[in-house]
Amino acid sequence: MHILFLTDNFPPEVNAPASRTFEHCREWVKGQDCDVTVITCVPNFPKGRVFDGYKNKLFQLEIFEGVRVIRVWSFITPNEGTVKRILDYLSFMVMATIASCFVRKVDIIVATSPQFFTACAGYLVSVIKRVPWVFELRDIWPESIKAVGAMEESVFVRFLERLELFLYRKASRIISVTNAFKDSLGARGIDTQKIDVVTNGVDATRFSPLPKDEEVLGNLGLHGKFIAGYIGTHGLAHGLDTILEAAHIEQDSRPGSKLHFLLLGDGAEKARLKARASELDLSNVTFVDSVSKAEVVRYWSILDVSIVHLKKTPLFESVIPSKIFECMGMGIPIAHGVSGESAAIIEACRAGMTFEPESSGGLLEVLHQLSSEQELSDEMSQCGQKSAKFFDRRALAKRMLEVLRDVHAES
């Protein structure tokens, strides 16, 4: 079976969509009697700058661990500004559609969100090639951009919502990353019989318990600190002002505290967050730019607690941040500031403690408890490691492939 996979993000980018797509495709070409062709952009996320070693050319081909990757030209912009980002998405939709026409003997197409212009390309290519297509649903878009205030209700947004429902209906199958997304689509009239759930997971070959990396600790000057870290995109959705507020309260109320906050990653909000930390004169916060997938585990290793946080909005109750599985795999207790389905997973697995989103006081309460109760922290570390086995990426990739084979057989 030849799978054509359309995605905006792919390694060496290190965000969640890139990781999930690559880790699934890698498993499919490894002993599963599958050929996979990925059509994507040149790597540029989230800074909107082409990575070293690449050029934003019309078409270029590479083989990435057995996966055939076709990179196409797109309008590149930083992960900020709604209009420019939509131009970015539209340019990829057009170029991916054109490039797909030159890929021969395709049996099935997968197009992945977060934004659904990639799904538009998937639908168009399926019509041209007369093969089924699967919509991998990673985000309820455009609802998510309204939730963070990036766009307000308008004629254009209502058009996008009608387009969204059209794509759900036209997809041969929908693969959702959460049960809540499936329920949401069902409530909007989409046949849930065509929706399968394949959650995010962890690459156990890469994310496993490690001793603290002494070199990283030394470089950052964090020896002897209790490190609470946020690793990921610094975007509008993530509400990272809550972490800075917690750091400010800690610094003012507990002089000499060993609690230190580490924020690693890039995104639309990073420059503003750094400026805010400077205004508050926070000596207990360290910012680190994005690092490669190979390097990031060294930074995970130095964390005593991992902070997972999203803004307080009903939509995000249906989201399961993929980083929770990486934390579990590495045995790092989680301070979890996301309500809904993901909080239920954390509580059921006993992999961390939850707090109300956008509550700096709630975050500090969790961190103080974990820093003062070593037995509790150790228990959550062990429970997380045991639970990670149920979210192994290899098993999830196999499950998704079974869905694709079913769709292919039905067609």
Protein backbone atom coordinates (compact mmCIF):
# COMPACT_ATOMS: atom_id res chain seq x y z
CA MET A 1 0.00 0.00 0.00
CA HIS A 2 1.33 3.43 -0.98
CA ILE A 3 0.37 6.17 1.50
CA LEU A 4 0.59 9.81 0.47
CA PHE A 5 0.81 11.96 3.61
CA LEU A 6 0.27 15.74 3.47
CA THR A 7 1.54 17.76 6.42
CA ASP A 8 2.77 21.31 7.06
CA ASN A 9 5.31 20.10 9.63
CA PHE A 10 7.97 17.43 9.47
CA PRO A 11 11.43 16.90 11.02
CA PRO A 12 13.87 18.44 11.54
CA GLU A 13 11.07 20.60 13.00
CA VAL A 14 10.38 19.44 16.55
CA ASN A 15 6.75 20.33 17.24
CA ALA A 16 4.11 17.72 18.04
CA PRO A 17 2.63 17.36 14.52
CA ALA A 18 6.09 16.85 13.01
CA SER A 19 7.02 14.22 15.58
CA ARG A 20 3.76 12.27 15.32
CA THR A 21 3.81 12.18 11.52
CA PHE A 22 7.44 11.10 11.30
CA GLU A 23 7.21 8.47 14.03
CA HIS A 24 4.12 6.92 12.42
CA CYS A 25 5.57 6.98 8.90
CA ARG A 26 8.84 5.51 10.12
CA GLU A 27 7.00 2.55 11.62
CA TRP A 28 4.89 2.03 8.48
CA VAL A 29 7.88 1.69 6.17
CA LYS A 30 9.70 -0.56 8.63
CA GLY A 31 8.49 -4.10 7.97
CA GLN A 32 4.84 -3.17 7.37
CA ASP A 33 4.82 -3.67 3.56
CA CYS A 34 4.09 0.04 3.01
CA ASP A 35 5.54 2.81 0.91
CA VAL A 36 5.12 6.33 2.30
CA THR A 37 5.53 9.63 0.50
CA VAL A 38 5.29 12.78 2.61
CA ILE A 39 4.65 16.17 1.04
CA THR A 40 5.64 19.02 3.34
CA CYS A 41 7.31 22.46 3.47
CA VAL A 42 10.95 23.25 4.00
CA PRO A 43 11.55 23.26 7.77
CA ASN A 44 10.93 26.73 9.23
CA PHE A 45 8.62 26.40 12.25
CA PRO A 46 8.17 28.34 14.51
CA LYS A 47 10.52 31.25 13.71
CA GLY A 48 9.59 31.44 10.04
CA ARG A 49 13.23 31.06 9.03
CA VAL A 50 14.45 28.26 6.77
CA PHE A 51 16.63 25.80 8.67
CA ASP A 52 20.32 25.55 7.82
CA GLY A 53 20.98 23.19 4.94
CA TYR A 54 17.65 23.85 3.23
CA LYS A 55 16.38 26.33 0.63
CA ASN A 56 12.79 27.33 -0.05
CA LYS A 57 12.82 25.87 -3.57
CA LEU A 58 9.90 24.85 -5.77
CA PHE A 59 10.43 21.11 -5.20
CA GLN A 60 13.13 19.06 -3.50
CA LEU A 61 13.36 15.39 -2.59
CA GLU A 62 15.02 13.61 0.32
CA ILE A 63 14.83 10.21 1.99
CA PHE A 64 14.29 10.54 5.74
CA GLU A 65 14.86 7.20 7.54
CA GLY A 66 13.18 5.29 4.74
CA VAL A 67 10.39 7.82 4.20
CA ARG A 68 10.28 9.60 0.82
CA VAL A 69 9.88 13.32 1.55
CA ILE A 70 8.97 15.91 -1.07
CA ARG A 71 9.41 19.48 0.14
CA VAL A 72 7.59 22.24 -1.72
CA TRP A 73 7.85 26.01 -1.80
CA SER A 74 5.52 27.94 0.52
CA PHE A 75 5.09 31.50 1.74
CA ILE A 76 7.14 31.42 4.93
CA THR A 77 6.28 33.59 7.91
CA PRO A 78 6.87 33.40 11.68
CA ASN A 79 4.19 31.66 13.76
CA GLU A 80 2.41 34.96 14.43
CA GLY A 81 -0.08 37.19 12.64
CA THR A 82 -3.30 35.58 11.39
CA VAL A 83 -3.33 36.97 7.83
CA LYS A 84 0.28 36.00 7.04
CA ARG A 85 -0.18 32.57 8.56
CA ILE A 86 -3.27 31.94 6.44
CA LEU A 87 -1.25 32.94 3.36
CA ASP A 88 1.34 30.41 4.49
CA TYR A 89 -1.34 27.71 4.81
CA LEU A 90 -2.92 28.56 1.45
CA SER A 91 0.40 28.50 -0.39
CA PHE A 92 1.16 25.05 0.99
CA MET A 93 -2.31 23.83 0.03
CA VAL A 94 -1.76 24.89 -3.57
CA MET A 95 1.79 23.56 -3.85
CA ALA A 96 0.98 20.28 -2.09
CA THR A 97 -1.93 19.71 -4.48
CA ILE A 98 0.29 20.33 -7.51
CA ALA A 99 3.13 18.15 -6.20
CA SER A 100 0.71 15.31 -5.40
CA CYS A 101 -0.26 15.07 -9.06
CA PHE A 102 3.28 13.85 -9.83
CA VAL A 103 3.27 11.09 -7.19
CA ARG A 104 2.33 7.84 -8.91
CA LYS A 105 0.37 4.76 -7.79
CA VAL A 106 -1.08 6.24 -4.60
CA ASP A 107 -3.54 3.99 -2.72
CA ILE A 108 -4.65 6.32 0.06
CA ILE A 109 -4.12 9.93 1.15
CA VAL A 110 -3.75 11.24 4.70
CA ALA A 111 -3.97 14.97 5.38
CA THR A 112 -3.35 16.29 8.87
CA SER A 113 -4.41 19.42 10.72
CA PRO A 114 -3.96 21.58 13.03
CA GLN A 115 -5.21 23.95 10.31
CA PHE A 116 -7.43 22.39 7.68
CA PHE A 117 -6.12 23.96 4.47
CA THR A 118 -3.90 20.88 4.32
CA ALA A 119 -7.09 18.84 4.53
CA CYS A 120 -8.44 20.86 1.59
CA ALA A 121 -5.42 19.68 -0.39
CA GLY A 122 -6.12 16.11 0.72
CA TYR A 123 -9.68 16.32 -0.55
CA LEU A 124 -8.66 17.89 -3.87
CA VAL A 125 -5.96 15.29 -4.49
CA SER A 126 -8.37 12.46 -3.64
CA VAL A 127 -10.78 13.77 -6.29
CA ILE A 128 -8.01 14.07 -8.88
CA LYS A 129 -6.54 10.63 -8.16
CA ARG A 130 -9.85 8.93 -7.32
CA VAL A 131 -8.52 7.37 -4.14
CA PRO A 132 -9.84 7.66 -0.54
CA TRP A 133 -8.51 10.24 1.88
CA VAL A 134 -8.30 10.32 5.64
CA PHE A 135 -8.54 13.50 7.71
CA GLU A 136 -6.20 13.28 10.74
CA LEU A 137 -7.80 15.69 13.20
CA ARG A 138 -5.30 17.21 15.63
CA ASP A 139 -7.21 20.41 16.43
CA ILE A 140 -10.71 21.86 16.07
CA TRP A 141 -9.84 24.68 13.68
CA PRO A 142 -10.92 27.52 13.28
CA GLU A 143 -12.54 27.27 16.75
CA SER A 144 -9.10 27.11 18.36
CA ILE A 145 -7.95 30.42 16.86
CA LYS A 146 -11.14 32.08 18.11
CA ALA A 147 -10.49 30.61 21.57
CA VAL A 148 -7.13 32.36 21.87
CA GLY A 149 -8.46 35.66 20.53
CA ALA A 150 -6.51 35.55 17.24
CA MET A 151 -9.74 35.92 15.24
CA GLU A 152 -13.21 37.14 16.09
CA GLU A 153 -16.58 35.99 14.79
CA SER A 154 -17.03 37.23 11.22
CA VAL A 155 -18.32 36.29 7.79
CA PHE A 156 -14.89 34.85 6.99
CA VAL A 157 -14.82 32.72 10.13
CA ARG A 158 -18.32 31.42 9.42
CA PHE A 159 -17.15 30.49 5.91
CA LEU A 160 -14.22 28.59 7.42
CA GLU A 161 -16.57 26.73 9.75
CA ARG A 162 -18.78 25.66 6.83
CA LEU A 163 -15.67 24.54 4.96
CA GLU A 164 -14.58 22.61 8.04
CA LEU A 165 -17.88 20.65 8.18
CA PHE A 166 -17.70 20.02 4.42
CA LEU A 167 -14.27 18.42 4.82
CA TYR A 168 -15.42 16.24 7.72
CA ARG A 169 -18.30 14.96 5.61
CA LYS A 170 -16.17 14.34 2.51
CA ALA A 171 -13.37 12.47 4.30
CA SER A 172 -13.47 8.69 3.86
CA ARG A 173 -12.46 8.42 7.52
CA ILE A 174 -11.47 10.78 10.31
CA ILE A 175 -8.71 9.87 12.76
CA SER A 176 -8.99 12.02 15.88
CA VAL A 177 -6.29 12.37 18.52
CA THR A 178 -8.86 12.65 21.36
CA ASN A 179 -12.22 11.14 22.27
CA ALA A 180 -13.48 14.64 23.03
CA PHE A 181 -12.91 15.69 19.41
CA LYS A 182 -14.95 12.68 18.28
CA ASP A 183 -17.78 13.66 20.62
CA SER A 184 -17.62 17.27 19.42
CA LEU A 185 -17.93 16.25 15.78
CA GLY A 186 -20.79 13.91 16.61
CA ALA A 187 -22.65 16.77 18.30
CA ARG A 188 -22.24 18.77 15.08
CA GLY A 189 -23.84 16.10 12.94
CA ILE A 190 -20.80 14.14 11.73
CA ASP A 191 -21.28 10.38 11.63
CA THR A 192 -19.18 9.03 14.52
CA GLN A 193 -19.01 5.62 12.82
CA LYS A 194 -16.43 7.10 10.46
CA ILE A 195 -14.29 8.50 13.30
CA ASP A 196 -11.47 6.48 14.89
CA VAL A 197 -9.41 7.70 17.84
CA VAL A 198 -5.64 7.25 17.83
CA THR A 199 -4.15 9.33 20.63
CA ASN A 200 -0.72 10.88 20.74
CA GLY A 201 1.99 8.87 22.38
CA VAL A 202 5.68 8.60 23.12
CA ASP A 203 8.65 7.29 21.17
CA ALA A 204 10.01 4.97 23.85
CA THR A 205 13.30 4.60 21.99
CA ARG A 206 13.98 8.30 22.53
CA PHE A 207 12.16 9.28 25.74
CA SER A 208 13.14 7.16 28.72
CA PRO A 209 14.48 7.98 32.22
CA LEU A 210 17.91 9.61 32.24
CA PRO A 211 20.20 10.93 34.98
CA LYS A 212 20.40 14.71 35.15
CA ASP A 213 22.70 16.05 32.46
CA GLU A 214 25.49 17.70 34.43
CA GLU A 215 26.80 19.64 31.43
CA VAL A 216 23.41 21.25 30.77
CA LEU A 217 22.98 22.06 34.46
CA GLY A 218 26.41 23.67 34.51
CA ASN A 219 25.87 25.66 31.35
CA LEU A 220 22.60 27.04 32.71
CA GLY A 221 23.96 27.58 36.23
CA LEU A 222 21.16 25.50 37.77
CA HIS A 223 23.04 23.10 40.05
CA GLY A 224 21.20 22.72 43.34
CA LYS A 225 17.91 24.13 42.00
CA PHE A 226 14.49 22.47 41.96
CA ILE A 227 13.69 22.92 38.28
CA ALA A 228 10.13 23.26 37.00
CA GLY A 229 10.25 23.38 33.22
CA TYR A 230 7.97 24.16 30.32
CA ILE A 231 9.23 22.67 27.06
CA GLY A 232 7.27 23.47 23.90
CA THR A 233 5.78 26.20 21.77
CA HIS A 234 5.41 29.65 23.35
CA GLY A 235 2.14 30.59 21.68
CA LEU A 236 -1.10 32.40 22.39
CA ALA A 237 -2.81 29.18 23.40
CA HIS A 238 -0.32 28.27 26.11
CA GLY A 239 -0.94 31.06 28.61
CA LEU A 240 2.67 31.16 29.81
CA ASP A 241 2.13 34.42 31.70
CA THR A 242 0.83 32.11 34.44
CA ILE A 243 4.35 30.71 34.86
CA LEU A 244 5.89 34.18 35.04
CA GLU A 245 3.28 35.23 37.61
CA ALA A 246 4.14 32.17 39.70
CA ALA A 247 7.85 32.98 39.44
CA HIS A 248 7.18 36.57 40.53
CA ILE A 249 5.14 35.47 43.54
CA GLU A 250 7.80 32.93 44.52
CA GLN A 251 10.62 35.43 44.24
CA ASP A 252 8.81 38.06 46.31
CA SER A 253 7.37 35.80 49.00
CA ARG A 254 10.15 33.25 49.47
CA PRO A 255 13.61 34.84 49.24
CA GLY A 256 16.29 32.19 48.77
CA SER A 257 13.85 29.66 47.29
CA LYS A 258 15.52 26.93 45.22
CA LEU A 259 12.54 26.74 42.87
CA HIS A 260 13.62 27.77 39.37
CA PHE A 261 11.55 27.99 36.16
CA LEU A 262 12.95 26.91 32.79
CA LEU A 263 11.12 27.77 29.54
CA LEU A 264 12.52 26.08 26.43
CA GLY A 265 11.13 26.66 22.94
CA ASP A 266 10.07 29.38 20.54
CA GLY A 267 6.83 30.91 19.33
CA ALA A 268 4.79 34.03 18.76
CA GLU A 269 4.78 34.99 22.45
CA LYS A 270 8.40 34.35 23.35
CA ALA A 271 9.77 37.87 22.79
CA ARG A 272 6.94 39.39 24.82
CA LEU A 273 7.39 36.85 27.63
CA LYS A 274 11.12 37.56 27.83
CA ALA A 275 10.41 41.29 27.97
CA ARG A 276 7.85 40.73 30.73
CA ALA A 277 10.30 38.63 32.76
CA SER A 278 12.85 41.43 32.41
CA GLU A 279 10.31 44.03 33.58
CA LEU A 280 9.61 41.91 36.66
CA ASP A 281 13.36 41.40 37.22
CA LEU A 282 12.88 37.65 37.56
CA SER A 283 16.11 35.94 38.54
CA ASN A 284 14.35 32.58 38.93
CA VAL A 285 13.41 32.20 35.24
CA THR A 286 15.65 30.98 32.42
CA PHE A 287 14.67 31.06 28.74
CA VAL A 288 16.28 28.65 26.27
CA ASP A 289 15.76 28.64 22.50
CA SER A 290 14.53 25.53 20.70
CA VAL A 291 16.96 22.65 20.38
CA SER A 292 16.95 19.57 18.15
CA LYS A 293 14.93 16.46 18.95
CA ALA A 294 18.17 14.66 19.78
CA GLU A 295 19.22 17.41 22.21
CA VAL A 296 15.86 18.07 23.89
CA VAL A 297 16.03 14.92 26.04
CA ARG A 298 19.08 16.39 27.77
CA TYR A 299 16.92 19.31 28.90
CA TRP A 300 14.02 17.07 29.87
CA SER A 301 16.48 15.14 32.07
CA ILE A 302 17.26 18.13 34.31
CA LEU A 303 13.60 18.80 35.16
CA ASP A 304 12.24 17.88 38.58
CA VAL A 305 8.71 18.76 37.38
CA SER A 306 7.32 19.38 33.91
CA ILE A 307 4.71 22.12 33.54
CA VAL A 308 1.95 21.53 30.98
CA HIS A 309 -0.41 24.46 30.52
CA LEU A 310 -3.06 25.90 28.19
CA LYS A 311 -5.33 28.91 28.53
CA LYS A 312 -8.61 28.49 30.38
CA THR A 313 -11.22 27.95 27.67
CA PRO A 314 -13.80 25.17 27.15
CA LEU A 315 -12.28 24.21 23.80
CA PHE A 316 -8.99 23.16 25.38
CA GLU A 317 -10.80 20.70 27.63
CA SER A 318 -10.87 18.46 24.56
CA VAL A 319 -7.10 18.76 23.93
CA ILE A 320 -4.48 16.23 25.04
CA PRO A 321 -1.02 17.88 24.89
CA SER A 322 1.37 15.34 23.43
CA LYS A 323 4.17 16.34 25.80
CA ILE A 324 2.46 14.57 28.71
CA PHE A 325 3.41 11.24 27.16
CA GLU A 326 7.04 12.29 26.77
CA CYS A 327 7.05 13.32 30.44
CA MET A 328 5.64 9.93 31.40
CA GLY A 329 8.24 8.14 29.31
CA MET A 330 11.04 10.03 31.05
CA GLY A 331 9.51 9.58 34.49
CA ILE A 332 9.08 13.32 35.14
CA PRO A 333 6.15 14.28 37.43
CA ILE A 334 3.72 16.64 35.71
CA ALA A 335 2.18 19.88 36.99
CA HIS A 336 -0.84 19.84 34.72
CA GLY A 337 -2.78 23.03 34.05
CA VAL A 338 -5.22 21.80 31.41
CA SER A 339 -8.80 20.82 32.25
CA GLY A 340 -10.78 17.99 30.68
CA GLU A 341 -9.68 14.76 29.00
CA SER A 342 -5.94 15.23 29.52
CA ALA A 343 -6.39 15.99 33.24
CA ALA A 344 -8.36 12.75 33.57
CA ILE A 345 -5.42 10.86 32.02
CA ILE A 346 -2.94 12.43 34.46
CA GLU A 347 -5.14 11.60 37.44
CA ALA A 348 -5.90 8.05 36.28
CA CYS A 349 -2.21 7.33 35.64
CA ARG A 350 -1.08 9.16 38.82
CA ALA A 351 1.64 10.71 36.68
CA GLY A 352 1.34 14.18 38.23
CA MET A 353 -0.91 16.73 39.88
CA THR A 354 -3.48 19.01 38.28
CA PHE A 355 -4.20 22.68 38.92
CA GLU A 356 -6.70 25.14 37.49
CA PRO A 357 -5.54 26.71 34.19
CA GLU A 358 -4.24 30.29 34.52
CA SER A 359 -3.92 29.91 38.31
CA SER A 360 -0.39 30.90 39.33
CA GLY A 361 -1.27 30.14 42.95
CA GLY A 362 -2.48 26.66 42.00
CA LEU A 363 0.72 26.03 40.07
CA LEU A 364 2.87 27.08 43.02
CA GLU A 365 0.87 24.88 45.38
CA VAL A 366 1.59 21.84 43.20
CA LEU A 367 5.28 22.71 42.85
CA HIS A 368 5.72 23.27 46.59
CA GLN A 369 4.12 19.93 47.36
CA LEU A 370 6.23 18.02 44.86
CA SER A 371 9.43 19.74 45.98
CA SER A 372 8.80 18.98 49.64
CA GLU A 373 7.44 15.41 49.34
CA GLN A 374 10.10 13.28 47.69
CA GLU A 375 8.14 10.05 48.14
CA LEU A 376 5.16 11.52 46.29
CA SER A 377 7.39 12.76 43.49
CA ASP A 378 9.10 9.37 43.17
CA GLU A 379 5.74 7.57 43.12
CA MET A 380 4.46 9.79 40.30
CA SER A 381 7.67 9.26 38.37
CA GLN A 382 7.28 5.49 38.58
CA CYS A 383 3.56 5.58 37.74
CA GLY A 384 4.27 7.73 34.71
CA GLN A 385 6.87 5.28 33.42
CA LYS A 386 4.46 2.36 33.80
CA SER A 387 1.63 4.26 32.09
CA ALA A 388 3.82 5.32 29.16
CA LYS A 389 3.80 1.71 27.95
CA PHE A 390 0.11 2.09 27.07
CA PHE A 391 0.93 5.06 24.81
CA ASP A 392 3.88 3.57 22.93
CA ARG A 393 4.14 5.21 19.52
CA ARG A 394 4.88 1.92 17.77
CA ALA A 395 1.60 0.38 18.90
CA LEU A 396 -0.33 3.55 18.02
CA ALA A 397 1.25 3.68 14.56
CA LYS A 398 0.19 0.08 13.99
CA ARG A 399 -3.34 0.92 15.10
CA MET A 400 -3.55 3.86 12.69
CA LEU A 401 -2.20 1.71 9.87
CA GLU A 402 -4.98 -0.81 10.51
CA VAL A 403 -7.51 1.99 10.00
CA LEU A 404 -5.83 3.01 6.74
CA ARG A 405 -5.83 -0.59 5.52
CA ASP A 406 -9.55 -0.85 6.30
CA VAL A 407 -10.27 2.31 4.31
CA HIS A 408 -8.19 1.03 1.42
CA ALA A 409 -9.97 -2.33 1.47
CA GLU A 410 -13.40 -0.65 1.55
CA SER A 411 -12.52 1.48 -1.47
